[in-house]
Amino acid sequence: MRLSTKGRYAVTAMMDLALQSDQGPVTLAEISGTQGISLSYLEQLFARMRRAGLVVGVRGPGGGYRLAKAANEISIAQVISAVDENVDTTRCKGDEDCEEGERCLTHELWADLSCQIYDFLDGITLEQLAGDPSVRAAAQQQVQPSASSGDDRSSSVA
């Protein structure tokens, strides 16, 4: 199993949002600048996460995105699933047709591993991850955009 950049970026962006949640809505431009993720890629990810009910857009001056639920109600697995990622380690994507339409010898092993990975990620919330001292230290080291460098809080959200 390999988690693509789509899933990794979605989790990173949601962590950024969770860490800034007490500061009001956060623009995608802010997340893009802080995390080094393309703005157009973030727009695609946030459209999916908005449809999944994980974020809400706030329009107008001071607008941006905020979490749709409390950070302790959003699991990492939910974020990954929202952007159409899965943690399936089987070759057949769970269809049990691994070997020319038949179930392979190790299908159950890989299916069980997939469940373990999902359960692990589902057991970690944004709040738990945001409370981790190493996450907080990494966030402190990141350069935050300053108001004098064109704070883009006035951009609207679709």
Protein backbone atom coordinates (compact mmCIF):
# COMPACT_ATOMS: atom_id res chain seq x y z
CA MET A 1 0.00 0.00 0.00
CA ARG A 2 1.21 3.44 -0.81
CA LEU A 3 -0.58 6.59 0.18
CA SER A 4 -0.43 9.06 -2.70
CA THR A 5 0.36 12.75 -2.42
CA LYS A 6 -3.38 13.41 -2.65
CA GLY A 7 -3.98 11.77 0.72
CA ARG A 8 -0.81 13.18 2.29
CA TYR A 9 -1.56 16.71 1.13
CA ALA A 10 -5.17 16.49 2.29
CA VAL A 11 -4.08 15.45 5.79
CA THR A 12 -1.39 18.15 5.87
CA ALA A 13 -3.83 20.85 4.76
CA MET A 14 -6.44 19.74 7.29
CA MET A 15 -3.82 19.77 10.04
CA ASP A 16 -2.87 23.31 9.05
CA LEU A 17 -6.54 24.27 9.18
CA ALA A 18 -7.01 22.59 12.58
CA LEU A 19 -3.94 24.31 14.02
CA GLN A 20 -5.25 27.71 12.88
CA SER A 21 -8.90 27.09 13.75
CA ASP A 22 -8.87 29.59 16.62
CA GLN A 23 -7.85 32.36 14.22
CA GLY A 24 -10.97 32.20 12.04
CA PRO A 25 -11.29 31.07 8.44
CA VAL A 26 -8.03 30.25 6.64
CA THR A 27 -7.51 30.90 2.95
CA LEU A 28 -6.16 28.27 0.63
CA ALA A 29 -3.48 30.79 -0.33
CA GLU A 30 -2.28 30.78 3.29
CA ILE A 31 -2.18 26.98 3.41
CA SER A 32 -0.47 26.90 0.02
CA GLY A 33 2.20 29.32 1.16
CA THR A 34 2.80 27.64 4.50
CA GLN A 35 2.73 24.03 3.29
CA GLY A 36 4.16 24.44 -0.20
CA ILE A 37 1.14 22.82 -1.85
CA SER A 38 -0.10 24.15 -5.18
CA LEU A 39 -3.15 26.40 -4.83
CA SER A 40 -4.97 24.67 -7.69
CA TYR A 41 -4.32 21.26 -6.10
CA LEU A 42 -5.67 22.54 -2.76
CA GLU A 43 -8.80 23.81 -4.52
CA GLN A 44 -9.45 20.30 -5.86
CA LEU A 45 -8.84 18.68 -2.48
CA PHE A 46 -11.00 21.17 -0.58
CA ALA A 47 -13.86 20.76 -3.06
CA ARG A 48 -13.88 17.05 -2.21
CA MET A 49 -13.52 17.65 1.51
CA ARG A 50 -16.36 20.20 1.39
CA ARG A 51 -18.61 17.62 -0.32
CA ALA A 52 -17.66 15.13 2.40
CA GLY A 53 -18.74 17.61 5.08
CA LEU A 54 -15.29 18.08 6.59
CA VAL A 55 -14.82 21.78 5.76
CA VAL A 56 -17.04 24.76 5.06
CA GLY A 57 -16.23 27.80 3.01
CA VAL A 58 -16.74 31.30 4.36
CA ARG A 59 -17.28 33.93 1.68
CA GLY A 60 -16.31 37.56 1.61
CA PRO A 61 -13.72 39.65 3.41
CA GLY A 62 -12.05 37.57 6.07
CA GLY A 63 -13.29 34.46 4.34
CA GLY A 64 -11.59 31.16 3.73
CA TYR A 65 -12.19 27.68 5.08
CA ARG A 66 -12.84 26.30 8.50
CA LEU A 67 -13.48 22.83 9.86
CA ALA A 68 -17.12 21.78 9.52
CA LYS A 69 -16.93 19.79 12.76
CA ALA A 70 -14.81 19.89 15.87
CA ALA A 71 -11.27 18.62 15.33
CA ASN A 72 -11.97 15.73 17.71
CA GLU A 73 -14.75 14.54 15.38
CA ILE A 74 -12.61 14.29 12.22
CA SER A 75 -10.38 11.26 11.84
CA ILE A 76 -7.38 10.99 9.54
CA ALA A 77 -9.16 8.11 7.76
CA GLN A 78 -12.11 10.40 7.02
CA VAL A 79 -9.79 12.96 5.44
CA ILE A 80 -8.07 10.37 3.29
CA SER A 81 -11.38 8.83 2.24
CA ALA A 82 -12.83 12.25 1.38
CA VAL A 83 -10.24 12.75 -1.35
CA ASP A 84 -10.98 9.32 -2.84
CA GLU A 85 -7.96 7.61 -1.40
CA ASN A 86 -8.14 4.22 0.19
CA VAL A 87 -5.84 2.15 2.30
CA ASP A 88 -6.51 -1.12 0.51
CA THR A 89 -3.41 -3.31 0.28
CA THR A 90 -4.99 -6.05 -1.85
CA ARG A 91 -4.16 -6.25 -5.55
CA CYS A 92 -7.83 -6.69 -6.38
CA LYS A 93 -9.13 -3.67 -4.44
CA GLY A 94 -11.14 -6.04 -2.25
CA ASP A 95 -13.01 -7.70 -5.13
CA GLU A 96 -11.48 -11.12 -4.40
CA ASP A 97 -10.54 -11.64 -8.06
CA CYS A 98 -6.77 -11.36 -7.54
CA GLU A 99 -5.72 -14.39 -9.59
CA GLU A 100 -7.44 -14.47 -12.97
CA GLY A 101 -10.84 -13.85 -11.43
CA GLU A 102 -10.24 -16.02 -8.37
CA ARG A 103 -9.21 -15.19 -4.83
CA CYS A 104 -5.44 -15.42 -4.31
CA LEU A 105 -3.77 -17.42 -1.53
CA THR A 106 -2.88 -14.34 0.50
CA HIS A 107 -6.02 -12.29 -0.07
CA GLU A 108 -7.18 -12.53 3.54
CA LEU A 109 -3.78 -11.41 4.83
CA TRP A 110 -3.82 -8.24 2.72
CA ALA A 111 -7.50 -7.58 3.43
CA ASP A 112 -6.84 -7.85 7.18
CA LEU A 113 -3.87 -5.48 6.86
CA SER A 114 -6.08 -2.98 5.03
CA CYS A 115 -8.57 -3.11 7.91
CA GLN A 116 -5.78 -2.62 10.46
CA ILE A 117 -4.45 0.42 8.60
CA TYR A 118 -7.90 1.95 8.25
CA ASP A 119 -8.71 1.32 11.92
CA PHE A 120 -5.38 2.87 12.96
CA LEU A 121 -6.02 6.03 10.90
CA ASP A 122 -9.66 6.15 11.97
CA GLY A 123 -8.53 6.09 15.60
CA ILE A 124 -6.53 9.32 15.23
CA THR A 125 -8.36 12.62 15.14
CA LEU A 126 -7.12 15.99 13.95
CA GLU A 127 -7.29 17.16 17.56
CA GLN A 128 -5.04 14.32 18.76
CA LEU A 129 -2.52 14.93 16.02
CA ALA A 130 -2.60 18.71 16.60
CA GLY A 131 -1.85 18.10 20.27
CA ASP A 132 1.29 16.11 19.53
CA PRO A 133 4.33 18.13 20.69
CA SER A 134 6.34 17.25 17.56
CA VAL A 135 3.49 18.48 15.33
CA ARG A 136 3.26 21.72 17.32
CA ALA A 137 7.04 22.21 17.07
CA ALA A 138 6.96 21.67 13.30
CA ALA A 139 4.08 24.14 12.97
CA GLN A 140 6.02 26.75 14.96
CA GLN A 141 8.98 26.41 12.59
CA GLN A 142 6.89 26.98 9.49
CA VAL A 143 6.91 30.46 8.10
CA GLN A 144 3.48 32.06 8.45
CA PRO A 145 2.50 34.68 5.88
CA SER A 146 2.65 38.16 7.40
CA ALA A 147 0.02 40.83 7.01
CA SER A 148 2.56 43.05 5.24
CA SER A 149 3.22 40.45 2.56
CA GLY A 150 -0.31 40.56 1.23
CA ASP A 151 -2.47 38.63 3.66
CA ASP A 152 -5.12 37.31 1.28
CA ARG A 153 -8.00 36.89 3.72
CA SER A 154 -10.26 38.87 1.39
CA SER A 155 -10.42 36.24 -1.33
CA SER A 156 -13.76 34.53 -1.73
CA VAL A 157 -14.49 30.85 -1.49
CA ALA A 158 -16.60 28.84 -3.92
